[in-house]
Amino acid sequence: MGYTTGQNMVQGEDVMTRLSGLEVYLPDGRRLGLVHDAVIDENTMQCTHLFVRETDPQLVEGSIHLAVPWRWVRGIDRIVVLRWFPATPIPLN
């Protein structure tokens, strides 16, 4: 598959639908959760965030769903690997 990230944002409805269900991993190899959906800027038609569900409660308090900024994504193939993630666990407040 191999999608481009960074300045050359992933584009296209077909590519975005294939992201749903991919596992998301932190730079240190811990699994964050699953991609639920992609947030698309309606003006540029580019992905701005990935909406992640089923988050690990050890990483995200209450296992809440997260919107991960696209700029945090290092790469996508059969999984999504992040280049950065804040200190964990992320508190509810």
Protein backbone atom coordinates (compact mmCIF):
# COMPACT_ATOMS: atom_id res chain seq x y z
CA MET A 1 0.00 0.00 0.00
CA GLY A 2 2.46 2.68 1.18
CA TYR A 3 0.89 6.11 1.56
CA THR A 4 2.73 9.42 1.55
CA THR A 5 2.61 11.55 4.68
CA GLY A 6 3.84 14.96 5.75
CA GLN A 7 3.69 17.80 3.24
CA ASN A 8 2.24 15.50 0.55
CA MET A 9 -0.94 14.70 2.45
CA VAL A 10 -2.89 11.56 1.67
CA GLN A 11 -5.78 12.41 -0.60
CA GLY A 12 -8.68 10.61 -2.18
CA GLU A 13 -11.81 8.93 -0.92
CA ASP A 14 -10.52 5.46 -1.78
CA VAL A 15 -7.39 5.89 0.32
CA MET A 16 -9.31 7.38 3.25
CA THR A 17 -11.77 4.49 3.39
CA ARG A 18 -8.89 2.00 3.54
CA LEU A 19 -7.55 3.70 6.69
CA SER A 20 -10.58 2.69 8.75
CA GLY A 21 -9.74 -0.23 11.03
CA LEU A 22 -5.95 0.10 10.79
CA GLU A 23 -4.07 -0.25 14.08
CA VAL A 24 -2.28 2.88 15.31
CA TYR A 25 1.11 2.53 17.05
CA LEU A 26 3.20 4.99 19.05
CA PRO A 27 6.86 5.57 18.16
CA ASP A 28 7.90 3.21 21.00
CA GLY A 29 5.77 0.36 19.59
CA ARG A 30 2.80 0.52 21.96
CA ARG A 31 -0.61 0.12 20.32
CA LEU A 32 -2.79 3.22 20.70
CA GLY A 33 -6.01 1.97 19.09
CA LEU A 34 -7.81 1.65 15.74
CA VAL A 35 -8.50 4.26 13.07
CA HIS A 36 -12.23 4.93 13.04
CA ASP A 37 -12.29 7.70 10.48
CA ALA A 38 -10.29 10.47 8.88
CA VAL A 39 -11.06 14.18 9.31
CA ILE A 40 -10.88 15.97 5.96
CA ASP A 41 -10.53 19.72 5.48
CA GLU A 42 -13.39 20.59 3.13
CA ASN A 43 -11.46 23.44 1.48
CA THR A 44 -8.26 21.56 0.68
CA MET A 45 -9.73 18.03 0.68
CA GLN A 46 -6.72 16.88 2.71
CA CYS A 47 -6.61 14.77 5.84
CA THR A 48 -6.07 16.86 8.97
CA HIS A 49 -6.69 14.26 11.70
CA LEU A 50 -7.24 10.57 12.26
CA PHE A 51 -10.05 9.69 14.66
CA VAL A 52 -8.82 6.79 16.83
CA ARG A 53 -11.17 4.48 18.77
CA GLU A 54 -10.63 1.58 21.17
CA THR A 55 -7.69 3.38 22.76
CA ASP A 56 -5.56 1.58 25.32
CA PRO A 57 -6.66 2.67 28.84
CA GLN A 58 -3.00 2.65 29.94
CA LEU A 59 -2.34 5.35 27.32
CA VAL A 60 -5.61 7.29 27.41
CA GLU A 61 -7.57 7.62 30.65
CA GLY A 62 -11.08 6.26 30.23
CA SER A 63 -10.17 4.83 26.83
CA ILE A 64 -11.76 7.86 25.17
CA HIS A 65 -11.61 8.33 21.41
CA LEU A 66 -8.91 10.69 20.13
CA ALA A 67 -8.37 12.97 17.15
CA VAL A 68 -4.70 12.55 16.24
CA PRO A 69 -3.26 15.40 14.13
CA TRP A 70 -2.05 14.28 10.72
CA ARG A 71 1.35 15.90 11.35
CA TRP A 72 1.94 13.26 14.06
CA VAL A 73 1.71 10.44 11.47
CA ARG A 74 5.09 9.04 10.40
CA GLY A 75 3.79 6.48 7.94
CA ILE A 76 0.96 4.23 6.87
CA ASP A 77 0.99 0.80 5.32
CA ARG A 78 -0.77 -2.11 7.04
CA ILE A 79 -0.61 -0.08 10.27
CA VAL A 80 -0.31 3.59 11.17
CA VAL A 81 2.91 4.61 12.95
CA LEU A 82 3.06 7.93 14.76
CA ARG A 83 6.16 10.10 14.85
CA TRP A 84 5.18 11.70 18.16
CA PHE A 85 2.66 11.32 20.97
CA PRO A 86 2.32 13.24 24.27
CA ALA A 87 3.26 11.79 27.63
CA THR A 88 0.91 9.04 28.74
CA PRO A 89 -1.53 8.43 30.18
CA ILE A 90 -3.54 11.28 28.69
CA PRO A 91 -5.91 12.50 31.46
CA LEU A 92 -9.65 13.03 30.90
CA ASN A 93 -9.40 16.69 31.93
